Amino acid sequence: MPPHNPWVTNDITLFGVLAGLLALLFYTSGSRHPFWQKFYRIVPALFLAYMLPAVLRSLGIIGETWSIVEKGETIVQHSRLYYIATRLLLPAALILMTLSIDLKAVFNLGWRALLMFFTGTVGIILGGPLALAITGKMFPELLQASGNDATWRGLATLAGSWIGGGANQTAMLEIFQYNKALYGGMLLTDIVVANLWMATLLFGIKYAPRIDRWLRADTSSIDELIQKTEAFARQNARIPNLRDYMIMLGVTLFAVGLSFAASHSIANFLTENVPAIADKKSFLSSLGSPFFWLIGLATLFGIGYSFTPLRTLEGAGASKIGSVFIYFLVAVIGMKIDLNKILEYPELILLGLIWMAFHAGLLILVAKWSRSPYFFMAVGSQANVGGAASAPIVASAFHPALAGVGALLAILGYIVGTVGAMASAGLMAWITEIMK
């Protein structure tokens, strides 16, 4: 059955709508009108860049799928914007935001960054069984399904997605053989809950100083990294000209192109020659994901550039161009949310919300105990739940100099995702058995 068509039914117009929305957002956020000044003191602009496309999709104005009729035949088309944004704009932004990175200052961020990342991982591992136990009492049918229809098998795919990413999610689907006819409910839960959580994190960034004061957080290492980056930018600041922009975009897109080609070559080589990686049931299967290598290679290119004279391009606005790409990426990701579908699977959505609440609560407790800043909490969480597609977004929302931290933690998520998800799945299977 063809999808119900949104008003916009081609990618070029869709991209234009998102661009116009961002232009309007920046125009109003910079307005001196008292209403807009008060409004943006409460609501962060980046949060609106994420949520307004979701509202437009929910109203049927834009969408990811539509149908056209050619020669009497109905053809379903899918938007390619998300693929382009994650494969082109994201790696380009990472390069532009890391070409002036101070690696020593990044390493000086210390143990709290890793602590909050692994706290987020543990929150997902334990949160799934807890959420299943709670919702199982309210919706007994969640515990009654058996065989390949068993709910815990489907939830294992959520654990894979929320610790690593798409490759880990696929690995869980292969390992536990969840009924693919029921898989749509899990995908919807993944999209709705993960994106609502990301929206919450983005909203909180505006209030990060207040949150840090409540946490009694030590932000000195983050402040040092930001100050060094800003000082370097001031020392090399200049009015950019055409030459600067051509070099900046040329070396960036050249690196993206090489990274994209190499990522597929590396993934294909490993898949063909390393049985453990080719096996989708293996915890090493994420190493066969081209996207894993694309993000890793793009980050390495940016770090490599930071040891060359190209790092002075920060003075010409490299991180600002990277931020432009990030905003477009945020808008495209926001377009994936259809608020109308939140109640299609109420029991799964509730389970997912309880799961994410436990994850968040554990992060807050550990952050309070360790005096970890909100930055570590938000990025550590998103490196798990959102992965490489969104962890750099959250990190760069604090400051462009921090985007690389989000990318590096997200890569770590890919590595531990399958093992962590298998542990969570085992606990959920045990909960199902004892509560039946």
Protein backbone atom coordinates (compact mmCIF):
# COMPACT_ATOMS: atom_id res chain seq x y z
CA MET A 1 0.00 0.00 0.00
CA PRO A 2 1.54 3.35 -1.02
CA PRO A 3 2.29 5.83 1.75
CA HIS A 4 0.12 8.83 2.42
CA ASN A 5 1.93 11.58 0.57
CA PRO A 6 3.29 14.62 2.40
CA TRP A 7 3.03 17.98 0.70
CA VAL A 8 6.71 17.87 -0.27
CA THR A 9 7.56 14.93 -2.50
CA ASN A 10 11.16 15.44 -3.62
CA ASP A 11 14.48 15.80 -1.85
CA ILE A 12 15.54 19.12 -3.38
CA THR A 13 12.39 20.89 -2.19
CA LEU A 14 12.62 19.07 1.13
CA PHE A 15 16.18 20.28 1.63
CA GLY A 16 15.04 23.79 0.73
CA VAL A 17 12.26 23.65 3.32
CA LEU A 18 14.72 22.63 6.03
CA ALA A 19 17.14 25.36 4.92
CA GLY A 20 14.38 27.97 5.09
CA LEU A 21 13.38 26.71 8.53
CA LEU A 22 16.94 27.09 9.79
CA ALA A 23 17.18 30.57 8.27
CA LEU A 24 13.99 31.59 10.07
CA LEU A 25 15.29 30.07 13.28
CA PHE A 26 18.56 32.00 13.14
CA TYR A 27 16.79 35.22 12.12
CA THR A 28 14.45 35.11 15.10
CA SER A 29 17.13 33.93 17.55
CA GLY A 30 19.23 36.98 16.67
CA SER A 31 16.31 39.38 16.83
CA ARG A 32 16.27 42.21 19.35
CA HIS A 33 12.52 41.96 19.75
CA PRO A 34 11.72 41.37 23.46
CA PHE A 35 9.49 38.37 22.70
CA TRP A 36 12.19 36.48 20.82
CA GLN A 37 14.86 37.40 23.35
CA LYS A 38 12.73 36.00 26.17
CA PHE A 39 11.73 32.96 24.10
CA TYR A 40 15.29 31.93 23.24
CA ARG A 41 16.44 32.45 26.81
CA ILE A 42 14.15 29.52 27.62
CA VAL A 43 14.19 27.38 24.45
CA PRO A 44 17.56 26.60 22.81
CA ALA A 45 17.77 27.22 19.06
CA LEU A 46 19.40 23.82 18.45
CA PHE A 47 16.49 22.12 20.18
CA LEU A 48 14.08 23.86 17.79
CA ALA A 49 16.23 22.91 14.81
CA TYR A 50 15.64 19.34 15.90
CA MET A 51 11.97 19.48 16.86
CA LEU A 52 10.43 21.81 14.25
CA PRO A 53 11.08 19.36 11.37
CA ALA A 54 9.41 16.70 13.55
CA VAL A 55 6.36 18.96 13.86
CA LEU A 56 6.29 19.52 10.09
CA ARG A 57 6.45 15.79 9.50
CA SER A 58 3.70 15.13 12.03
CA LEU A 59 1.51 17.69 10.23
CA GLY A 60 2.07 15.91 6.91
CA ILE A 61 4.02 18.77 5.33
CA ILE A 62 7.28 16.83 4.95
CA GLY A 63 8.12 13.14 5.18
CA GLU A 64 10.71 10.49 4.39
CA THR A 65 8.53 8.42 2.07
CA TRP A 66 6.10 9.27 -0.72
CA SER A 67 4.62 7.73 -3.85
CA ILE A 68 4.60 8.93 -7.44
CA VAL A 69 2.80 7.57 -10.49
CA GLU A 70 4.83 6.86 -13.60
CA LYS A 71 3.26 5.26 -16.69
CA GLY A 72 0.28 4.18 -14.64
CA GLU A 73 2.44 2.45 -12.03
CA THR A 74 2.71 3.64 -8.41
CA ILE A 75 6.33 3.90 -7.27
CA VAL A 76 7.29 4.40 -3.63
CA GLN A 77 10.25 6.73 -3.16
CA HIS A 78 12.39 7.23 -0.06
CA SER A 79 14.23 10.41 0.87
CA ARG A 80 18.00 10.21 0.60
CA LEU A 81 18.62 13.25 2.78
CA TYR A 82 19.46 11.25 5.92
CA TYR A 83 21.96 9.12 4.02
CA ILE A 84 23.59 12.18 2.45
CA ALA A 85 23.63 14.09 5.73
CA THR A 86 25.24 11.26 7.71
CA ARG A 87 27.68 10.21 4.97
CA LEU A 88 28.70 13.68 3.76
CA LEU A 89 27.78 16.48 6.15
CA LEU A 90 28.66 14.61 9.37
CA PRO A 91 32.19 13.52 8.38
CA ALA A 92 32.80 16.96 6.83
CA ALA A 93 31.74 18.63 10.07
CA LEU A 94 33.99 16.32 12.10
CA ILE A 95 37.00 17.22 9.94
CA LEU A 96 36.31 20.96 10.08
CA MET A 97 35.81 20.86 13.84
CA THR A 98 38.87 18.75 14.63
CA LEU A 99 41.47 20.26 12.28
CA SER A 100 42.54 22.62 15.07
CA ILE A 101 42.10 20.09 17.90
CA ASP A 102 44.55 20.03 20.79
CA LEU A 103 45.03 16.30 21.42
CA LYS A 104 46.87 16.85 24.68
CA ALA A 105 43.95 18.87 26.03
CA VAL A 106 41.51 16.18 24.86
CA PHE A 107 43.47 13.51 26.74
CA ASN A 108 43.52 15.81 29.76
CA LEU A 109 39.73 15.52 29.93
CA GLY A 110 40.54 12.56 32.15
CA TRP A 111 38.74 9.58 33.57
CA ARG A 112 35.35 11.23 34.04
CA ALA A 113 34.61 11.13 30.30
CA LEU A 114 35.11 7.35 30.20
CA LEU A 115 33.29 6.90 33.51
CA MET A 116 30.16 8.59 32.19
CA PHE A 117 30.31 6.68 28.90
CA PHE A 118 30.48 3.30 30.63
CA THR A 119 27.86 4.40 33.15
CA GLY A 120 25.58 5.02 30.18
CA THR A 121 26.40 1.55 28.86
CA VAL A 122 25.57 -0.09 32.21
CA GLY A 123 22.36 1.96 32.33
CA ILE A 124 21.25 0.44 29.04
CA ILE A 125 22.30 -3.10 30.01
CA LEU A 126 20.39 -3.02 33.31
CA GLY A 127 17.60 -0.66 32.26
CA GLY A 128 16.14 -3.09 29.73
CA PRO A 129 15.44 -5.93 32.20
CA LEU A 130 14.07 -3.45 34.76
CA ALA A 131 11.75 -1.81 32.20
CA LEU A 132 10.56 -5.22 30.99
CA ALA A 133 9.79 -6.30 34.55
CA ILE A 134 7.76 -3.15 35.24
CA THR A 135 5.81 -3.05 31.98
CA GLY A 136 5.38 -6.83 32.05
CA LYS A 137 3.16 -6.43 35.09
CA MET A 138 1.09 -3.79 33.31
CA PHE A 139 1.02 -5.55 29.91
CA PRO A 140 1.34 -9.33 30.58
CA GLU A 141 1.30 -10.05 26.84
CA LEU A 142 4.87 -8.73 26.68
CA LEU A 143 5.96 -11.77 28.69
CA GLN A 144 3.68 -14.36 27.10
CA ALA A 145 5.10 -14.39 23.57
CA SER A 146 7.48 -17.26 22.97
CA GLY A 147 9.90 -18.56 20.37
CA ASN A 148 11.03 -16.01 17.79
CA ASP A 149 8.11 -13.76 18.83
CA ALA A 150 9.48 -13.33 22.37
CA THR A 151 9.57 -9.67 23.31
CA TRP A 152 13.01 -9.92 24.91
CA ARG A 153 14.46 -10.94 21.54
CA GLY A 154 13.16 -7.75 19.98
CA LEU A 155 14.34 -5.66 22.91
CA ALA A 156 17.82 -7.09 22.38
CA THR A 157 17.92 -5.17 19.11
CA LEU A 158 17.10 -1.97 21.02
CA ALA A 159 19.97 -2.68 23.41
CA GLY A 160 22.29 -3.11 20.43
CA SER A 161 21.18 0.18 18.94
CA TRP A 162 21.37 2.08 22.24
CA ILE A 163 24.86 0.91 23.15
CA GLY A 164 26.49 0.83 19.71
CA GLY A 165 24.46 1.62 16.66
CA GLY A 166 22.85 0.18 13.55
CA ALA A 167 25.47 -2.51 13.01
CA ASN A 168 25.10 -3.76 16.57
CA GLN A 169 21.32 -3.66 16.23
CA THR A 170 21.52 -5.84 13.13
CA ALA A 171 23.84 -8.22 14.96
CA MET A 172 21.24 -8.67 17.71
CA LEU A 173 18.54 -9.32 15.12
CA GLU A 174 20.70 -12.04 13.59
CA ILE A 175 21.79 -13.56 16.91
CA PHE A 176 18.35 -13.78 18.50
CA GLN A 177 16.30 -14.22 15.30
CA TYR A 178 13.43 -11.95 16.35
CA ASN A 179 10.36 -12.25 14.14
CA LYS A 180 10.92 -9.65 11.42
CA ALA A 181 7.18 -9.22 10.97
CA LEU A 182 7.09 -7.72 14.48
CA TYR A 183 10.33 -5.80 14.14
CA GLY A 184 8.60 -2.57 13.07
CA GLY A 185 7.40 -1.92 16.61
CA MET A 186 10.95 -2.13 17.92
CA LEU A 187 12.24 0.21 15.23
CA LEU A 188 9.50 2.72 16.04
CA THR A 189 10.34 2.52 19.75
CA ASP A 190 14.00 3.05 18.92
CA ILE A 191 13.29 6.14 16.82
CA VAL A 192 10.74 7.73 19.17
CA VAL A 193 12.48 7.15 22.51
CA ALA A 194 16.06 7.77 21.34
CA ASN A 195 15.09 10.97 19.55
CA LEU A 196 13.02 12.27 22.45
CA TRP A 197 16.01 11.64 24.71
CA MET A 198 18.32 13.47 22.33
CA ALA A 199 15.88 16.39 22.29
CA THR A 200 15.99 16.42 26.10
CA LEU A 201 19.79 16.50 26.12
CA LEU A 202 19.87 19.34 23.58
CA PHE A 203 17.35 21.30 25.63
CA GLY A 204 19.49 20.88 28.73
CA ILE A 205 22.64 22.26 27.11
CA LYS A 206 21.38 25.82 27.52
CA TYR A 207 21.20 25.19 31.26
CA ALA A 208 24.53 23.35 31.50
CA PRO A 209 26.19 25.92 33.82
CA ARG A 210 23.27 25.69 36.24
CA ILE A 211 23.32 21.88 36.09
CA ASP A 212 27.09 21.84 36.65
CA ARG A 213 26.70 24.00 39.74
CA TRP A 214 24.12 21.54 41.11
CA LEU A 215 26.45 18.63 40.31
CA ARG A 216 29.37 20.56 41.85
CA ALA A 217 31.16 19.52 38.69
CA ASP A 218 34.81 20.08 37.88
CA THR A 219 34.77 21.65 34.41
CA SER A 220 38.40 22.78 34.38
CA SER A 221 39.60 20.31 31.75
CA ILE A 222 36.73 21.19 29.40
CA ASP A 223 37.27 24.92 29.96
CA GLU A 224 40.98 24.49 29.22
CA LEU A 225 40.27 22.75 25.91
CA ILE A 226 37.75 25.41 24.88
CA GLN A 227 40.06 28.28 25.93
CA LYS A 228 43.00 26.85 24.00
CA THR A 229 40.87 26.43 20.88
CA GLU A 230 39.42 29.92 21.14
CA ALA A 231 42.86 31.45 21.80
CA PHE A 232 44.26 29.70 18.74
CA ALA A 233 41.33 30.93 16.64
CA ARG A 234 41.86 34.52 17.83
CA GLN A 235 45.57 34.38 17.06
CA ASN A 236 44.85 33.25 13.51
CA ALA A 237 41.63 35.19 12.99
CA ARG A 238 41.26 36.86 9.64
CA ILE A 239 38.53 37.92 7.27
CA PRO A 240 38.11 34.81 5.09
CA ASN A 241 38.32 35.18 1.33
CA LEU A 242 37.47 32.89 -1.58
CA ARG A 243 40.88 31.23 -1.36
CA ASP A 244 40.27 30.28 2.28
CA TYR A 245 36.86 28.80 1.55
CA MET A 246 38.06 26.84 -1.48
CA ILE A 247 40.99 25.36 0.41
CA MET A 248 38.87 24.68 3.48
CA LEU A 249 36.08 22.92 1.60
CA GLY A 250 38.46 21.31 -0.88
CA VAL A 251 40.65 19.54 1.69
CA THR A 252 37.57 18.63 3.74
CA LEU A 253 35.55 17.11 0.92
CA PHE A 254 38.67 15.41 -0.47
CA ALA A 255 39.14 13.75 2.93
CA VAL A 256 35.44 12.81 3.08
CA GLY A 257 35.68 11.25 -0.38
CA LEU A 258 38.76 9.24 0.53
CA SER A 259 37.24 8.21 3.84
CA PHE A 260 34.03 7.07 2.14
CA ALA A 261 35.89 5.01 -0.47
CA ALA A 262 38.32 3.56 2.05
CA SER A 263 35.55 2.75 4.53
CA HIS A 264 33.80 0.50 2.03
CA SER A 265 37.07 -1.09 0.93
CA ILE A 266 38.15 -1.81 4.51
CA ALA A 267 34.71 -3.12 5.51
CA ASN A 268 34.51 -5.36 2.43
CA PHE A 269 38.05 -6.66 2.94
CA LEU A 270 37.45 -7.50 6.57
CA THR A 271 34.07 -9.09 5.85
CA GLU A 272 35.57 -11.28 3.11
CA ASN A 273 38.72 -12.29 4.99
CA VAL A 274 37.83 -12.35 8.69
CA PRO A 275 35.08 -14.89 9.47
CA ALA A 276 34.36 -13.38 12.90
CA ILE A 277 33.57 -10.03 11.29
CA ALA A 278 31.54 -11.57 8.46
CA ASP A 279 29.42 -13.42 11.03
CA LYS A 280 26.62 -11.02 11.99
CA LYS A 281 26.26 -12.94 15.24
CA SER A 282 29.82 -12.07 16.29
CA PHE A 283 30.62 -9.23 18.67
CA LEU A 284 33.17 -8.11 16.04
CA SER A 285 30.53 -7.70 13.34
CA SER A 286 30.39 -3.90 13.80
CA LEU A 287 33.90 -3.76 12.30
CA GLY A 288 32.26 -4.77 9.02
CA SER A 289 30.18 -1.57 8.98
CA PRO A 290 31.39 1.03 6.44
CA PHE A 291 29.84 3.78 8.58
CA PHE A 292 32.05 2.77 11.51
CA TRP A 293 35.14 3.23 9.37
CA LEU A 294 33.83 6.41 7.71
CA ILE A 295 33.50 8.19 11.06
CA GLY A 296 36.80 6.83 12.32
CA LEU A 297 38.73 7.79 9.19
CA ALA A 298 37.14 11.26 8.99
CA THR A 299 38.11 11.90 12.60
CA LEU A 300 41.66 10.72 11.87
CA PHE A 301 41.84 13.06 8.87
CA GLY A 302 40.79 15.98 11.05
CA ILE A 303 43.37 15.06 13.70
CA GLY A 304 46.00 14.66 10.98
CA TYR A 305 45.23 18.10 9.59
CA SER A 306 45.73 19.53 13.09
CA PHE A 307 49.45 18.77 12.77
CA THR A 308 49.75 20.77 9.53
CA PRO A 309 49.39 24.45 8.58
CA LEU A 310 45.77 23.63 7.68
CA ARG A 311 44.92 24.04 11.36
CA THR A 312 45.15 27.83 10.86
CA LEU A 313 41.94 27.56 8.81
CA GLU A 314 40.15 27.72 12.15
CA GLY A 315 40.96 31.43 12.06
CA ALA A 316 39.01 31.66 8.80
CA GLY A 317 35.95 30.02 10.35
CA ALA A 318 36.41 26.26 9.82
CA SER A 319 34.39 25.30 12.90
CA LYS A 320 31.62 27.73 11.90
CA ILE A 321 31.25 25.99 8.54
CA GLY A 322 31.25 22.70 10.44
CA SER A 323 28.48 24.05 12.64
CA VAL A 324 26.41 24.88 9.54
CA PHE A 325 26.68 21.24 8.49
CA ILE A 326 25.74 20.11 12.00
CA TYR A 327 22.58 22.24 12.00
CA PHE A 328 21.48 20.74 8.69
CA LEU A 329 22.20 17.27 10.07
CA VAL A 330 20.14 18.04 13.17
CA ALA A 331 17.20 19.17 11.03
CA VAL A 332 17.39 16.04 8.88
CA ILE A 333 17.48 13.77 11.94
CA GLY A 334 14.55 15.65 13.44
CA MET A 335 12.60 14.90 10.27
CA LYS A 336 12.69 11.19 11.19
CA ILE A 337 10.34 11.74 14.14
CA ASP A 338 6.61 11.34 13.51
CA LEU A 339 4.92 12.43 16.72
CA ASN A 340 1.64 10.89 15.52
CA LYS A 341 3.10 7.39 15.88
CA ILE A 342 4.02 7.66 19.54
CA LEU A 343 0.80 5.87 20.58
CA GLU A 344 0.93 3.11 17.93
CA TYR A 345 2.74 0.76 20.33
CA PRO A 346 1.95 2.23 23.78
CA GLU A 347 3.35 -0.69 25.75
CA LEU A 348 6.68 -0.63 23.87
CA ILE A 349 6.97 3.15 24.00
CA LEU A 350 6.31 3.07 27.76
CA LEU A 351 8.90 0.33 28.18
CA GLY A 352 11.40 2.37 26.20
CA LEU A 353 10.73 5.50 28.24
CA ILE A 354 11.21 3.61 31.53
CA TRP A 355 14.39 2.08 30.13
CA MET A 356 15.75 5.49 29.14
CA ALA A 357 14.69 7.00 32.49
CA PHE A 358 16.79 4.39 34.32
CA HIS A 359 19.73 5.13 32.01
CA ALA A 360 19.35 8.86 32.73
CA GLY A 361 18.89 8.37 36.47
CA LEU A 362 22.04 6.26 36.77
CA LEU A 363 24.01 8.87 34.82
CA ILE A 364 22.79 11.63 37.15
CA LEU A 365 23.67 9.65 40.28
CA VAL A 366 27.17 8.82 39.08
CA ALA A 367 27.71 12.37 37.77
CA LYS A 368 26.71 13.75 41.16
CA TRP A 369 29.01 11.34 42.99
CA SER A 370 31.98 11.91 40.66
CA ARG A 371 31.34 15.64 40.13
CA SER A 372 31.28 15.03 36.39
CA PRO A 373 30.08 17.92 34.19
CA TYR A 374 26.84 17.80 32.22
CA PHE A 375 28.97 17.67 29.07
CA PHE A 376 30.39 14.26 30.02
CA MET A 377 26.95 13.05 31.06
CA ALA A 378 25.22 14.18 27.84
CA VAL A 379 27.93 13.08 25.43
CA GLY A 380 28.56 9.80 27.28
CA SER A 381 24.87 9.04 27.03
CA GLN A 382 24.53 10.02 23.38
CA ALA A 383 27.66 8.09 22.40
CA ASN A 384 25.69 5.05 23.58
CA VAL A 385 22.12 5.84 22.59
CA GLY A 386 22.67 7.87 19.44
CA GLY A 387 26.04 6.63 18.27
CA ALA A 388 28.26 8.30 15.72
CA ALA A 389 25.37 10.00 13.93
CA SER A 390 24.43 12.19 16.88
CA ALA A 391 27.10 12.12 19.62
CA PRO A 392 29.21 14.73 17.76
CA ILE A 393 26.07 16.88 17.43
CA VAL A 394 25.53 16.96 21.17
CA ALA A 395 29.24 17.51 21.82
CA SER A 396 29.54 20.37 19.32
CA ALA A 397 26.44 22.02 20.79
CA PHE A 398 28.54 22.72 23.88
CA HIS A 399 31.41 24.02 21.74
CA PRO A 400 32.67 23.12 18.24
CA ALA A 401 36.05 22.20 19.74
CA LEU A 402 34.39 19.28 21.55
CA ALA A 403 32.90 17.52 18.50
CA GLY A 404 35.85 15.14 18.26
CA VAL A 405 35.24 13.92 21.80
CA GLY A 406 31.73 12.83 20.81
CA ALA A 407 33.05 11.01 17.75
CA LEU A 408 35.74 9.14 19.68
CA LEU A 409 33.30 8.01 22.37
CA ALA A 410 30.79 6.92 19.74
CA ILE A 411 33.44 4.73 18.10
CA LEU A 412 34.00 3.14 21.50
CA GLY A 413 30.25 2.46 21.60
CA TYR A 414 30.45 0.51 18.37
CA ILE A 415 33.17 -1.67 19.88
CA VAL A 416 31.35 -2.60 23.11
CA GLY A 417 27.81 -2.51 21.68
CA THR A 418 27.33 -6.15 20.75
CA VAL A 419 28.78 -7.58 23.97
CA GLY A 420 26.76 -5.17 26.11
CA ALA A 421 23.56 -5.88 24.20
CA MET A 422 24.04 -9.64 24.57
CA ALA A 423 24.42 -9.19 28.33
CA SER A 424 21.22 -7.14 28.47
CA ALA A 425 19.39 -9.70 26.32
CA GLY A 426 20.41 -12.50 28.66
CA LEU A 427 19.02 -10.60 31.63
CA MET A 428 15.77 -9.83 29.77
CA ALA A 429 15.35 -13.49 28.85
CA TRP A 430 15.83 -14.40 32.52
CA ILE A 431 13.27 -11.80 33.65
CA THR A 432 10.79 -13.19 31.12
CA GLU A 433 11.19 -16.73 32.44
CA ILE A 434 10.81 -15.91 36.11
CA MET A 435 7.82 -13.60 35.58
CA LYS A 436 5.76 -15.86 33.28
